[in-house]
N, C-alpha and C. Protein backbone atom coordinates (compact mmCIF):
# COMPACT_ATOMS: atom_id res chain seq x y z
N MET A 1 0.85 -1.18 0.00
CA MET A 1 0.00 0.00 0.00
C MET A 1 0.89 1.24 0.00
N SER A 2 0.57 2.17 -0.87
CA SER A 2 1.39 3.39 -0.93
C SER A 2 0.69 4.52 -0.18
N THR A 3 1.49 5.41 0.30
CA THR A 3 0.93 6.57 0.99
C THR A 3 1.19 7.80 0.14
N VAL A 4 0.28 8.73 0.18
CA VAL A 4 0.43 9.97 -0.57
C VAL A 4 0.92 11.04 0.39
N ALA A 5 2.01 11.69 0.01
CA ALA A 5 2.57 12.74 0.86
C ALA A 5 1.64 13.95 0.85
N ALA A 6 1.59 14.63 1.97
CA ALA A 6 0.78 15.85 2.05
C ALA A 6 1.36 16.91 1.14
N ARG A 7 0.50 17.64 0.47
CA ARG A 7 0.93 18.66 -0.46
C ARG A 7 0.55 20.03 0.07
N GLU A 8 1.34 21.03 -0.36
CA GLU A 8 1.01 22.41 -0.03
C GLU A 8 -0.32 22.75 -0.69
N PRO A 9 -1.22 23.44 0.00
CA PRO A 9 -2.44 23.84 -0.69
C PRO A 9 -2.13 24.94 -1.70
N VAL A 10 -2.89 24.95 -2.79
CA VAL A 10 -2.73 25.99 -3.79
C VAL A 10 -3.41 27.24 -3.25
N PRO A 11 -2.71 28.38 -3.22
CA PRO A 11 -3.31 29.58 -2.65
C PRO A 11 -4.57 29.98 -3.43
N ALA A 12 -5.63 30.30 -2.69
CA ALA A 12 -6.89 30.68 -3.32
C ALA A 12 -6.81 32.09 -3.88
N ALA A 13 -6.20 32.99 -3.16
CA ALA A 13 -6.09 34.38 -3.62
C ALA A 13 -4.70 34.60 -4.16
N ARG A 14 -4.63 35.31 -5.25
CA ARG A 14 -3.35 35.61 -5.85
C ARG A 14 -3.19 37.11 -5.96
N LYS A 15 -1.95 37.55 -5.90
CA LYS A 15 -1.66 38.97 -6.00
C LYS A 15 -2.08 39.49 -7.37
N ALA A 16 -2.66 40.67 -7.39
CA ALA A 16 -3.05 41.28 -8.66
C ALA A 16 -1.80 41.54 -9.48
N PRO A 17 -1.88 41.33 -10.80
CA PRO A 17 -0.70 41.55 -11.64
C PRO A 17 -0.38 43.03 -11.78
N SER A 18 0.88 43.30 -12.09
CA SER A 18 1.27 44.69 -12.36
C SER A 18 0.62 45.11 -13.67
N SER A 19 0.60 46.40 -13.95
CA SER A 19 -0.08 46.88 -15.15
C SER A 19 0.54 46.31 -16.42
N LYS A 20 1.85 46.06 -16.43
CA LYS A 20 2.46 45.53 -17.65
C LYS A 20 2.05 44.08 -17.90
N ASN A 21 1.59 43.38 -16.87
CA ASN A 21 1.14 42.00 -17.03
C ASN A 21 -0.35 41.86 -16.79
N ALA A 22 -1.10 42.93 -16.91
CA ALA A 22 -2.53 42.90 -16.60
C ALA A 22 -3.27 41.88 -17.45
N ALA A 23 -2.86 41.68 -18.69
CA ALA A 23 -3.53 40.72 -19.55
C ALA A 23 -3.25 39.29 -19.13
N LEU A 24 -2.27 39.11 -18.26
CA LEU A 24 -1.89 37.76 -17.86
C LEU A 24 -2.21 37.51 -16.40
N ALA A 25 -3.33 37.97 -15.94
CA ALA A 25 -3.74 37.70 -14.57
C ALA A 25 -3.94 36.20 -14.43
N PRO A 26 -3.41 35.59 -13.38
CA PRO A 26 -3.59 34.15 -13.22
C PRO A 26 -5.08 33.81 -13.15
N VAL A 27 -5.44 32.75 -13.85
CA VAL A 27 -6.83 32.31 -13.85
C VAL A 27 -7.01 31.23 -12.81
N PRO A 28 -8.17 31.16 -12.19
CA PRO A 28 -8.40 30.08 -11.24
C PRO A 28 -8.31 28.76 -11.97
N SER A 29 -7.65 27.80 -11.37
CA SER A 29 -7.55 26.48 -11.98
C SER A 29 -7.48 25.45 -10.88
N SER A 30 -7.71 24.23 -11.29
CA SER A 30 -7.65 23.16 -10.30
C SER A 30 -6.20 22.93 -9.94
N PRO A 31 -5.93 22.38 -8.76
CA PRO A 31 -4.55 22.17 -8.36
C PRO A 31 -3.86 21.08 -9.16
N GLY A 32 -4.54 20.43 -10.07
CA GLY A 32 -3.94 19.38 -10.88
C GLY A 32 -4.46 18.02 -10.45
N ARG A 33 -4.02 17.02 -11.17
CA ARG A 33 -4.44 15.67 -10.84
C ARG A 33 -3.81 15.23 -9.53
N VAL A 34 -4.48 14.34 -8.85
CA VAL A 34 -3.92 13.78 -7.62
C VAL A 34 -2.60 13.11 -7.97
N GLY A 35 -1.57 13.40 -7.23
CA GLY A 35 -0.27 12.81 -7.48
C GLY A 35 0.66 13.68 -8.31
N ASP A 36 0.12 14.75 -8.92
CA ASP A 36 0.98 15.65 -9.69
C ASP A 36 1.96 16.34 -8.75
N LYS A 37 3.18 16.47 -9.22
CA LYS A 37 4.16 17.22 -8.44
C LYS A 37 3.80 18.69 -8.47
N ARG A 38 4.26 19.43 -7.48
CA ARG A 38 3.97 20.86 -7.37
C ARG A 38 4.39 21.59 -8.64
N ALA A 39 5.56 21.25 -9.19
CA ALA A 39 6.03 21.92 -10.40
C ALA A 39 5.08 21.67 -11.57
N ALA A 40 4.55 20.46 -11.69
CA ALA A 40 3.60 20.16 -12.77
C ALA A 40 2.33 20.98 -12.60
N GLN A 41 1.90 21.17 -11.36
CA GLN A 41 0.71 21.98 -11.09
C GLN A 41 0.96 23.43 -11.50
N VAL A 42 2.13 23.95 -11.16
CA VAL A 42 2.47 25.34 -11.50
C VAL A 42 2.60 25.49 -13.01
N ALA A 43 3.22 24.51 -13.67
CA ALA A 43 3.35 24.56 -15.13
C ALA A 43 1.97 24.62 -15.77
N ARG A 44 1.05 23.82 -15.27
CA ARG A 44 -0.31 23.82 -15.82
C ARG A 44 -0.99 25.17 -15.59
N ARG A 45 -0.76 25.77 -14.43
CA ARG A 45 -1.34 27.10 -14.16
C ARG A 45 -0.76 28.15 -15.11
N ILE A 46 0.54 28.08 -15.37
CA ILE A 46 1.16 29.03 -16.31
C ILE A 46 0.55 28.84 -17.69
N GLU A 47 0.41 27.60 -18.14
CA GLU A 47 -0.16 27.32 -19.45
C GLU A 47 -1.61 27.79 -19.52
N ASP A 48 -2.37 27.59 -18.44
CA ASP A 48 -3.76 28.07 -18.39
C ASP A 48 -3.80 29.60 -18.49
N ASP A 49 -2.88 30.28 -17.80
CA ASP A 49 -2.83 31.74 -17.83
C ASP A 49 -2.52 32.24 -19.24
N VAL A 50 -1.60 31.57 -19.93
CA VAL A 50 -1.25 31.96 -21.30
C VAL A 50 -2.47 31.79 -22.21
N ALA A 51 -3.14 30.66 -22.12
CA ALA A 51 -4.32 30.40 -22.95
C ALA A 51 -5.43 31.41 -22.66
N ALA A 52 -5.65 31.72 -21.38
CA ALA A 52 -6.70 32.66 -20.99
C ALA A 52 -6.41 34.07 -21.50
N ALA A 53 -5.13 34.40 -21.66
CA ALA A 53 -4.74 35.73 -22.16
C ALA A 53 -4.75 35.79 -23.68
N GLY A 54 -5.15 34.70 -24.35
CA GLY A 54 -5.21 34.71 -25.81
C GLY A 54 -3.89 34.38 -26.47
N TRP A 55 -3.00 33.72 -25.75
CA TRP A 55 -1.69 33.28 -26.25
C TRP A 55 -0.92 34.46 -26.85
N PRO A 56 -0.54 35.44 -26.01
CA PRO A 56 0.13 36.66 -26.50
C PRO A 56 1.61 36.41 -26.82
N VAL A 57 1.89 35.93 -28.03
CA VAL A 57 3.24 35.57 -28.46
C VAL A 57 4.17 36.76 -28.30
N GLY A 58 5.33 36.52 -27.68
CA GLY A 58 6.35 37.55 -27.48
C GLY A 58 6.21 38.31 -26.18
N GLN A 59 5.10 38.16 -25.49
CA GLN A 59 4.90 38.88 -24.24
C GLN A 59 5.67 38.22 -23.11
N VAL A 60 6.28 39.04 -22.26
CA VAL A 60 7.00 38.54 -21.10
C VAL A 60 5.99 38.27 -19.99
N LEU A 61 5.97 37.05 -19.50
CA LEU A 61 5.04 36.68 -18.42
C LEU A 61 5.53 37.20 -17.08
N GLY A 62 6.82 37.39 -16.96
CA GLY A 62 7.41 37.88 -15.73
C GLY A 62 8.81 37.34 -15.56
N THR A 63 9.55 37.97 -14.66
CA THR A 63 10.89 37.48 -14.34
C THR A 63 10.75 36.30 -13.38
N GLU A 64 11.86 35.65 -13.11
CA GLU A 64 11.82 34.53 -12.17
C GLU A 64 11.28 34.99 -10.81
N ALA A 65 11.74 36.13 -10.35
CA ALA A 65 11.29 36.65 -9.04
C ALA A 65 9.79 36.95 -9.06
N GLU A 66 9.31 37.58 -10.12
CA GLU A 66 7.88 37.89 -10.22
C GLU A 66 7.03 36.61 -10.27
N LEU A 67 7.50 35.63 -11.00
CA LEU A 67 6.74 34.39 -11.14
C LEU A 67 6.72 33.58 -9.84
N THR A 68 7.84 33.56 -9.11
CA THR A 68 7.84 32.84 -7.82
C THR A 68 6.84 33.48 -6.87
N GLU A 69 6.76 34.82 -6.90
CA GLU A 69 5.80 35.51 -6.04
C GLU A 69 4.37 35.28 -6.51
N ARG A 70 4.14 35.39 -7.83
CA ARG A 70 2.79 35.24 -8.37
C ARG A 70 2.21 33.85 -8.09
N TYR A 71 3.04 32.81 -8.23
CA TYR A 71 2.55 31.45 -8.05
C TYR A 71 2.83 30.89 -6.66
N GLY A 72 3.49 31.67 -5.82
CA GLY A 72 3.70 31.28 -4.44
C GLY A 72 4.54 30.02 -4.26
N VAL A 73 5.63 29.93 -5.04
CA VAL A 73 6.49 28.75 -4.98
C VAL A 73 7.95 29.17 -4.83
N SER A 74 8.79 28.20 -4.51
CA SER A 74 10.23 28.45 -4.41
C SER A 74 10.85 28.53 -5.81
N ARG A 75 12.08 29.04 -5.86
CA ARG A 75 12.79 29.12 -7.15
C ARG A 75 12.97 27.75 -7.77
N SER A 76 13.29 26.75 -6.96
CA SER A 76 13.53 25.41 -7.53
C SER A 76 12.25 24.83 -8.13
N VAL A 77 11.12 25.03 -7.48
CA VAL A 77 9.85 24.54 -8.03
C VAL A 77 9.52 25.30 -9.31
N LEU A 78 9.72 26.63 -9.30
CA LEU A 78 9.44 27.41 -10.50
C LEU A 78 10.34 26.98 -11.65
N ARG A 79 11.61 26.76 -11.37
CA ARG A 79 12.53 26.37 -12.44
C ARG A 79 12.12 25.04 -13.07
N GLU A 80 11.67 24.10 -12.24
CA GLU A 80 11.18 22.82 -12.79
C GLU A 80 9.91 23.05 -13.61
N ALA A 81 9.02 23.92 -13.13
CA ALA A 81 7.79 24.24 -13.87
C ALA A 81 8.14 24.89 -15.21
N VAL A 82 9.13 25.78 -15.21
CA VAL A 82 9.54 26.45 -16.44
C VAL A 82 10.10 25.42 -17.43
N ARG A 83 10.86 24.46 -16.94
CA ARG A 83 11.36 23.40 -17.83
C ARG A 83 10.20 22.66 -18.50
N LEU A 84 9.14 22.39 -17.74
CA LEU A 84 7.97 21.71 -18.31
C LEU A 84 7.28 22.60 -19.35
N VAL A 85 7.12 23.88 -19.02
CA VAL A 85 6.48 24.83 -19.94
C VAL A 85 7.31 24.96 -21.22
N GLU A 86 8.63 24.99 -21.08
CA GLU A 86 9.51 25.04 -22.25
C GLU A 86 9.38 23.76 -23.07
N HIS A 87 9.33 22.62 -22.39
CA HIS A 87 9.17 21.33 -23.09
C HIS A 87 7.86 21.29 -23.87
N HIS A 88 6.81 21.87 -23.31
CA HIS A 88 5.51 21.92 -23.99
C HIS A 88 5.47 23.02 -25.05
N GLN A 89 6.56 23.76 -25.18
CA GLN A 89 6.73 24.82 -26.18
C GLN A 89 5.68 25.92 -26.05
N VAL A 90 5.36 26.25 -24.79
CA VAL A 90 4.42 27.33 -24.51
C VAL A 90 5.18 28.63 -24.30
N ALA A 91 6.30 28.57 -23.61
CA ALA A 91 7.10 29.76 -23.33
C ALA A 91 8.56 29.35 -23.17
N GLN A 92 9.44 30.36 -23.26
CA GLN A 92 10.88 30.13 -23.16
C GLN A 92 11.46 31.15 -22.19
N MET A 93 12.32 30.70 -21.29
CA MET A 93 12.95 31.62 -20.33
C MET A 93 14.15 32.27 -21.01
N ARG A 94 14.18 33.61 -20.99
CA ARG A 94 15.30 34.38 -21.52
C ARG A 94 16.01 35.02 -20.34
N ARG A 95 17.29 34.83 -20.24
CA ARG A 95 18.09 35.38 -19.15
C ARG A 95 18.54 36.80 -19.48
N GLY A 96 18.91 37.53 -18.46
CA GLY A 96 19.51 38.85 -18.63
C GLY A 96 18.50 39.98 -18.64
N PRO A 97 18.99 41.21 -18.88
CA PRO A 97 18.11 42.39 -18.90
C PRO A 97 17.03 42.23 -19.96
N GLY A 98 15.82 42.57 -19.60
CA GLY A 98 14.69 42.43 -20.53
C GLY A 98 14.23 40.99 -20.69
N GLY A 99 14.79 40.12 -19.87
CA GLY A 99 14.45 38.71 -19.97
C GLY A 99 13.23 38.36 -19.15
N GLY A 100 12.99 37.10 -19.06
CA GLY A 100 11.85 36.57 -18.32
C GLY A 100 11.26 35.43 -19.11
N LEU A 101 10.13 34.95 -18.68
CA LEU A 101 9.44 33.86 -19.35
C LEU A 101 8.61 34.45 -20.48
N ILE A 102 8.96 34.11 -21.72
CA ILE A 102 8.36 34.75 -22.90
C ILE A 102 7.49 33.73 -23.65
N VAL A 103 6.26 34.14 -23.96
CA VAL A 103 5.31 33.27 -24.66
C VAL A 103 5.81 33.01 -26.07
N GLN A 104 5.74 31.74 -26.49
CA GLN A 104 6.15 31.32 -27.82
C GLN A 104 4.94 30.99 -28.67
N ALA A 105 5.11 31.06 -29.98
CA ALA A 105 4.06 30.60 -30.90
C ALA A 105 4.02 29.08 -30.84
N PRO A 106 2.83 28.51 -30.85
CA PRO A 106 2.73 27.05 -30.82
C PRO A 106 3.42 26.43 -32.04
N ASP A 107 4.04 25.28 -31.83
CA ASP A 107 4.74 24.58 -32.90
C ASP A 107 3.99 23.29 -33.19
N MET A 108 3.47 23.15 -34.39
CA MET A 108 2.69 21.98 -34.75
C MET A 108 3.52 20.70 -34.79
N LYS A 109 4.83 20.81 -35.02
CA LYS A 109 5.66 19.61 -35.11
C LYS A 109 5.60 18.80 -33.82
N GLY A 110 5.75 19.46 -32.70
CA GLY A 110 5.72 18.76 -31.41
C GLY A 110 4.37 18.14 -31.13
N ALA A 111 3.30 18.90 -31.40
CA ALA A 111 1.95 18.39 -31.17
C ALA A 111 1.66 17.23 -32.11
N THR A 112 2.08 17.34 -33.35
CA THR A 112 1.85 16.28 -34.32
C THR A 112 2.59 15.01 -33.91
N ALA A 113 3.84 15.14 -33.51
CA ALA A 113 4.62 13.97 -33.10
C ALA A 113 3.97 13.29 -31.89
N ALA A 114 3.52 14.08 -30.92
CA ALA A 114 2.86 13.50 -29.75
C ALA A 114 1.57 12.79 -30.14
N LEU A 115 0.81 13.38 -31.05
CA LEU A 115 -0.45 12.78 -31.48
C LEU A 115 -0.20 11.47 -32.23
N VAL A 116 0.81 11.45 -33.10
CA VAL A 116 1.15 10.23 -33.83
C VAL A 116 1.52 9.12 -32.85
N ILE A 117 2.35 9.44 -31.87
CA ILE A 117 2.76 8.44 -30.88
C ILE A 117 1.54 7.91 -30.14
N TYR A 118 0.65 8.81 -29.72
CA TYR A 118 -0.55 8.38 -29.00
C TYR A 118 -1.45 7.51 -29.88
N LEU A 119 -1.67 7.92 -31.11
CA LEU A 119 -2.55 7.13 -32.00
C LEU A 119 -1.96 5.75 -32.27
N GLU A 120 -0.64 5.67 -32.39
CA GLU A 120 -0.01 4.36 -32.54
C GLU A 120 -0.17 3.53 -31.27
N PHE A 121 -0.03 4.17 -30.12
CA PHE A 121 -0.15 3.48 -28.84
C PHE A 121 -1.53 2.86 -28.66
N VAL A 122 -2.58 3.61 -29.04
CA VAL A 122 -3.94 3.10 -28.87
C VAL A 122 -4.40 2.29 -30.09
N ASP A 123 -3.46 1.99 -30.98
CA ASP A 123 -3.71 1.12 -32.13
C ASP A 123 -4.82 1.65 -33.03
N THR A 124 -4.71 2.91 -33.40
CA THR A 124 -5.70 3.55 -34.27
C THR A 124 -5.47 3.11 -35.71
N SER A 125 -6.55 2.73 -36.37
CA SER A 125 -6.44 2.30 -37.77
C SER A 125 -6.75 3.46 -38.71
N VAL A 126 -6.43 3.26 -39.98
CA VAL A 126 -6.76 4.27 -40.99
C VAL A 126 -8.28 4.42 -41.08
N ALA A 127 -9.00 3.33 -40.93
CA ALA A 127 -10.47 3.39 -40.96
C ALA A 127 -10.99 4.27 -39.82
N ASP A 128 -10.37 4.15 -38.64
CA ASP A 128 -10.77 5.01 -37.50
C ASP A 128 -10.56 6.48 -37.84
N LEU A 129 -9.42 6.78 -38.45
CA LEU A 129 -9.12 8.17 -38.81
C LEU A 129 -10.10 8.70 -39.86
N MET A 130 -10.46 7.86 -40.80
CA MET A 130 -11.43 8.27 -41.83
C MET A 130 -12.80 8.53 -41.20
N ASP A 131 -13.19 7.70 -40.23
CA ASP A 131 -14.47 7.92 -39.54
C ASP A 131 -14.48 9.28 -38.84
N VAL A 132 -13.38 9.62 -38.20
CA VAL A 132 -13.27 10.92 -37.52
C VAL A 132 -13.31 12.04 -38.54
N ARG A 133 -12.63 11.85 -39.66
CA ARG A 133 -12.62 12.86 -40.72
C ARG A 133 -14.03 13.12 -41.23
N LEU A 134 -14.81 12.06 -41.41
CA LEU A 134 -16.18 12.21 -41.91
C LEU A 134 -17.06 12.99 -40.93
N ILE A 135 -16.73 12.94 -39.66
CA ILE A 135 -17.48 13.69 -38.65
C ILE A 135 -17.02 15.15 -38.62
N LEU A 136 -15.70 15.36 -38.67
CA LEU A 136 -15.15 16.71 -38.51
C LEU A 136 -15.25 17.59 -39.75
N GLU A 137 -15.10 16.99 -40.94
CA GLU A 137 -15.08 17.80 -42.16
C GLU A 137 -16.34 18.64 -42.35
N PRO A 138 -17.53 18.08 -42.22
CA PRO A 138 -18.73 18.93 -42.40
C PRO A 138 -18.80 20.05 -41.37
N LEU A 139 -18.36 19.79 -40.14
CA LEU A 139 -18.36 20.85 -39.12
C LEU A 139 -17.38 21.95 -39.50
N ALA A 140 -16.22 21.58 -39.99
CA ALA A 140 -15.21 22.56 -40.39
C ALA A 140 -15.70 23.39 -41.57
N VAL A 141 -16.34 22.75 -42.53
CA VAL A 141 -16.87 23.47 -43.69
C VAL A 141 -17.95 24.45 -43.24
N GLY A 142 -18.81 24.01 -42.34
CA GLY A 142 -19.86 24.90 -41.82
C GLY A 142 -19.28 26.13 -41.14
N LEU A 143 -18.27 25.93 -40.30
CA LEU A 143 -17.63 27.07 -39.63
C LEU A 143 -16.93 27.98 -40.63
N ALA A 144 -16.27 27.38 -41.61
CA ALA A 144 -15.56 28.18 -42.61
C ALA A 144 -16.53 29.03 -43.43
N THR A 145 -17.67 28.47 -43.81
CA THR A 145 -18.62 29.24 -44.60
C THR A 145 -19.24 30.38 -43.79
N GLN A 146 -19.39 30.19 -42.50
CA GLN A 146 -19.93 31.26 -41.66
C GLN A 146 -18.96 32.44 -41.57
N ARG A 147 -17.68 32.16 -41.69
CA ARG A 147 -16.66 33.20 -41.50
C ARG A 147 -16.03 33.67 -42.81
N LEU A 148 -16.45 33.12 -43.92
CA LEU A 148 -15.83 33.40 -45.21
C LEU A 148 -16.12 34.83 -45.67
N THR A 149 -15.08 35.52 -46.10
CA THR A 149 -15.20 36.88 -46.62
C THR A 149 -15.03 36.85 -48.13
N GLU A 150 -15.27 37.99 -48.80
CA GLU A 150 -15.07 38.07 -50.25
C GLU A 150 -13.62 37.75 -50.60
N SER A 151 -12.70 38.27 -49.80
CA SER A 151 -11.27 37.99 -50.03
C SER A 151 -10.99 36.49 -49.88
N GLY A 152 -11.62 35.88 -48.88
CA GLY A 152 -11.45 34.45 -48.66
C GLY A 152 -12.00 33.63 -49.82
N ILE A 153 -13.14 34.06 -50.37
CA ILE A 153 -13.73 33.35 -51.52
C ILE A 153 -12.76 33.42 -52.70
N HIS A 154 -12.18 34.59 -52.93
CA HIS A 154 -11.21 34.76 -54.02
C HIS A 154 -10.00 33.84 -53.81
N THR A 155 -9.47 33.81 -52.59
CA THR A 155 -8.32 32.96 -52.28
C THR A 155 -8.66 31.49 -52.46
N LEU A 156 -9.85 31.09 -52.04
CA LEU A 156 -10.30 29.70 -52.18
C LEU A 156 -10.42 29.32 -53.65
N ARG A 157 -10.99 30.21 -54.46
CA ARG A 157 -11.13 29.92 -55.90
C ARG A 157 -9.77 29.79 -56.57
N GLN A 158 -8.81 30.62 -56.18
CA GLN A 158 -7.45 30.52 -56.72
C GLN A 158 -6.83 29.17 -56.37
N ALA A 159 -6.99 28.75 -55.10
CA ALA A 159 -6.42 27.48 -54.66
C ALA A 159 -7.03 26.31 -55.43
N VAL A 160 -8.34 26.34 -55.64
CA VAL A 160 -9.02 25.27 -56.39
C VAL A 160 -8.52 25.26 -57.83
N ALA A 161 -8.36 26.43 -58.45
CA ALA A 161 -7.88 26.50 -59.83
C ALA A 161 -6.46 25.95 -59.93
N GLU A 162 -5.60 26.31 -58.98
CA GLU A 162 -4.22 25.81 -59.00
C GLU A 162 -4.18 24.30 -58.81
N GLU A 163 -4.99 23.80 -57.91
CA GLU A 163 -5.02 22.35 -57.67
C GLU A 163 -5.56 21.62 -58.90
N SER A 164 -6.59 22.17 -59.51
CA SER A 164 -7.15 21.55 -60.72
C SER A 164 -6.12 21.50 -61.83
N ALA A 165 -5.33 22.54 -61.97
CA ALA A 165 -4.30 22.57 -63.00
C ALA A 165 -3.23 21.51 -62.74
N VAL A 166 -2.92 21.27 -61.48
CA VAL A 166 -1.89 20.29 -61.14
C VAL A 166 -2.40 18.87 -61.37
N ILE A 167 -3.61 18.56 -60.93
CA ILE A 167 -4.10 17.18 -61.03
C ILE A 167 -4.83 16.91 -62.33
N GLY A 168 -5.11 17.94 -63.10
CA GLY A 168 -5.82 17.77 -64.37
C GLY A 168 -7.32 17.73 -64.12
N HIS A 169 -7.99 18.81 -64.45
CA HIS A 169 -9.43 18.94 -64.17
C HIS A 169 -10.21 17.90 -64.99
N ARG A 170 -11.05 17.16 -64.30
CA ARG A 170 -11.94 16.21 -64.95
C ARG A 170 -13.36 16.68 -64.77
N PRO A 171 -14.07 16.97 -65.84
CA PRO A 171 -15.45 17.44 -65.68
C PRO A 171 -16.32 16.36 -65.06
N ALA A 172 -17.33 16.80 -64.32
CA ALA A 172 -18.25 15.86 -63.67
C ALA A 172 -19.05 15.13 -64.73
N ALA A 173 -19.34 13.86 -64.48
CA ALA A 173 -20.07 13.04 -65.46
C ALA A 173 -21.55 13.27 -65.38
């Protein structure tokens, strides 16, 4: 039988952000899954804060000192959390003057690789993927048509014409 070590409670109230970080006010979040290390909980809170702020690429979330105070953790816990956030490609720590934890643009390569590994792990077939595609495609087309502008229609027509030229247009029977 294993025992679970007592964990520090996640502070309910957080200090209001400075005006330069007003868009990145920490959002209330759950303390994480049972068994998560404190650093993993803090990393998840940082990621939640970035998402809630609209993923402001290039914005400094704060210096190490500001972040330890904002999240109420030690430097060592914050540094481990930052390593996780960097691994998830959400933000990167920049050292020196003007540095701090800086929001990065999401990278599809990492997400794609993780998804491929997961789909292989759960033994997903091509037929399974096609079933999902048949469900998602009509929803995507519906959303696209709701948001389509005149400029978008022009761009779409150009893309269809270019593709038709490459594959050789075959008239409908």
